[in-house]
Amino acid sequence: MTELLALLGLFLLAAGYWQVRRQSEFARRWLEHYCRRQQFQLLSVYRYRYTWKRGRLLAQFKFEFSHDGLQRDEGSLWLGGLKVLDVSLPVLREPPSPML
């Protein structure tokens, strides 16, 4: 009986790890597509945290991007499973004008 419970626990651990990797790969692909559409350069993506909201486990990813090739900005992406719930970007700064 204990072997069965250990095997079940191992299976649940492997399934959880597989789901986390699947979600991370989905976030990276989605952000690559999003940044390409916005004409940004995606620099990095990382999982920031999990949180419970309204009975659902949500994952927040942070990503770094550049809109002009010089400055580095950070945005966040919220996922519920494999569904994008929100993307937030900072107000983008413009480089100083050489005319001023």
Protein backbone atom coordinates (compact mmCIF):
# COMPACT_ATOMS: atom_id res chain seq x y z
CA MET A 1 0.00 0.00 0.00
CA THR A 2 2.81 2.43 0.82
CA GLU A 3 4.45 1.65 -2.51
CA LEU A 4 1.24 2.56 -4.28
CA LEU A 5 1.00 5.87 -2.41
CA ALA A 6 4.65 6.63 -3.14
CA LEU A 7 4.10 5.87 -6.82
CA LEU A 8 0.99 8.07 -6.88
CA GLY A 9 2.90 10.89 -5.17
CA LEU A 10 5.72 10.59 -7.68
CA PHE A 11 3.23 10.66 -10.54
CA LEU A 12 1.54 13.81 -9.17
CA LEU A 13 4.92 15.50 -8.71
CA ALA A 14 5.92 14.69 -12.30
CA ALA A 15 2.55 15.90 -13.64
CA GLY A 16 2.91 19.18 -11.72
CA TYR A 17 6.43 19.71 -13.04
CA TRP A 18 5.26 18.98 -16.59
CA GLN A 19 2.45 21.55 -16.24
CA VAL A 20 4.85 24.20 -14.92
CA ARG A 21 7.24 23.64 -17.85
CA ARG A 22 4.35 23.71 -20.32
CA GLN A 23 3.13 27.02 -18.91
CA SER A 24 6.64 28.51 -19.02
CA GLU A 25 7.11 27.50 -22.65
CA PHE A 26 3.69 28.91 -23.53
CA ALA A 27 4.54 32.23 -21.83
CA ARG A 28 7.84 32.51 -23.71
CA ARG A 29 6.24 31.75 -27.11
CA TRP A 30 3.35 34.14 -26.46
CA LEU A 31 5.69 36.94 -25.37
CA GLU A 32 7.94 36.42 -28.40
CA HIS A 33 4.91 36.85 -30.64
CA TYR A 34 3.63 39.84 -28.64
CA CYS A 35 7.00 41.62 -28.71
CA ARG A 36 7.37 40.99 -32.44
CA ARG A 37 3.95 42.61 -33.05
CA GLN A 38 4.84 45.61 -30.86
CA GLN A 39 8.30 45.89 -32.47
CA PHE A 40 10.07 45.23 -29.16
CA GLN A 41 13.12 43.11 -28.56
CA LEU A 42 12.40 40.42 -25.94
CA LEU A 43 15.42 40.04 -23.66
CA SER A 44 14.36 37.62 -20.91
CA VAL A 45 11.35 35.90 -19.35
CA TYR A 46 11.07 34.47 -15.85
CA ARG A 47 8.35 33.18 -13.56
CA TYR A 48 7.88 35.66 -10.75
CA ARG A 49 5.20 34.17 -8.49
CA TYR A 50 1.97 32.25 -8.06
CA THR A 51 -1.14 33.64 -6.39
CA TRP A 52 -4.68 32.47 -5.64
CA LYS A 53 -7.48 34.69 -6.95
CA ARG A 54 -11.14 33.69 -6.99
CA GLY A 55 -10.29 30.02 -6.47
CA ARG A 56 -7.77 29.90 -9.34
CA LEU A 57 -4.03 29.56 -9.30
CA LEU A 58 -2.53 32.37 -11.36
CA ALA A 59 1.08 32.64 -12.49
CA GLN A 60 2.86 35.94 -12.97
CA PHE A 61 5.78 36.16 -15.36
CA LYS A 62 8.12 39.13 -15.60
CA PHE A 63 9.82 39.89 -18.89
CA GLU A 64 12.47 42.36 -19.95
CA PHE A 65 12.32 44.02 -23.33
CA SER A 66 13.82 46.90 -25.25
CA HIS A 67 11.83 49.18 -27.51
CA ASP A 68 14.77 51.16 -28.88
CA GLY A 69 17.77 48.85 -28.48
CA LEU A 70 19.27 51.00 -25.73
CA GLN A 71 16.89 51.02 -22.79
CA ARG A 72 15.74 48.01 -20.80
CA ASP A 73 12.16 47.88 -19.50
CA GLU A 74 10.22 45.30 -17.52
CA GLY A 75 6.64 44.17 -18.03
CA SER A 76 4.47 41.48 -16.48
CA LEU A 77 2.24 38.76 -17.85
CA TRP A 78 -0.52 37.00 -15.88
CA LEU A 79 -1.57 33.50 -16.89
CA GLY A 80 -4.44 31.35 -15.66
CA GLY A 81 -3.49 27.90 -16.91
CA LEU A 82 -2.62 28.49 -20.56
CA LYS A 83 -4.82 31.56 -20.91
CA VAL A 84 -3.40 35.09 -20.96
CA LEU A 85 -5.27 37.25 -18.47
CA ASP A 86 -3.28 40.47 -18.49
CA VAL A 87 -0.15 42.09 -19.89
CA SER A 88 1.16 45.27 -18.33
CA LEU A 89 3.93 47.46 -19.64
CA PRO A 90 5.53 50.55 -18.12
CA VAL A 91 5.22 53.93 -19.75
CA LEU A 92 7.96 53.84 -22.36
CA ARG A 93 10.62 56.52 -22.13
CA GLU A 94 11.90 58.22 -25.24
CA PRO A 95 15.62 58.92 -25.57
CA PRO A 96 16.56 62.59 -25.34
CA SER A 97 16.28 64.41 -28.63
CA PRO A 98 19.62 65.43 -30.19
CA MET A 99 17.96 68.68 -31.27
CA LEU A 100 17.57 69.95 -27.67
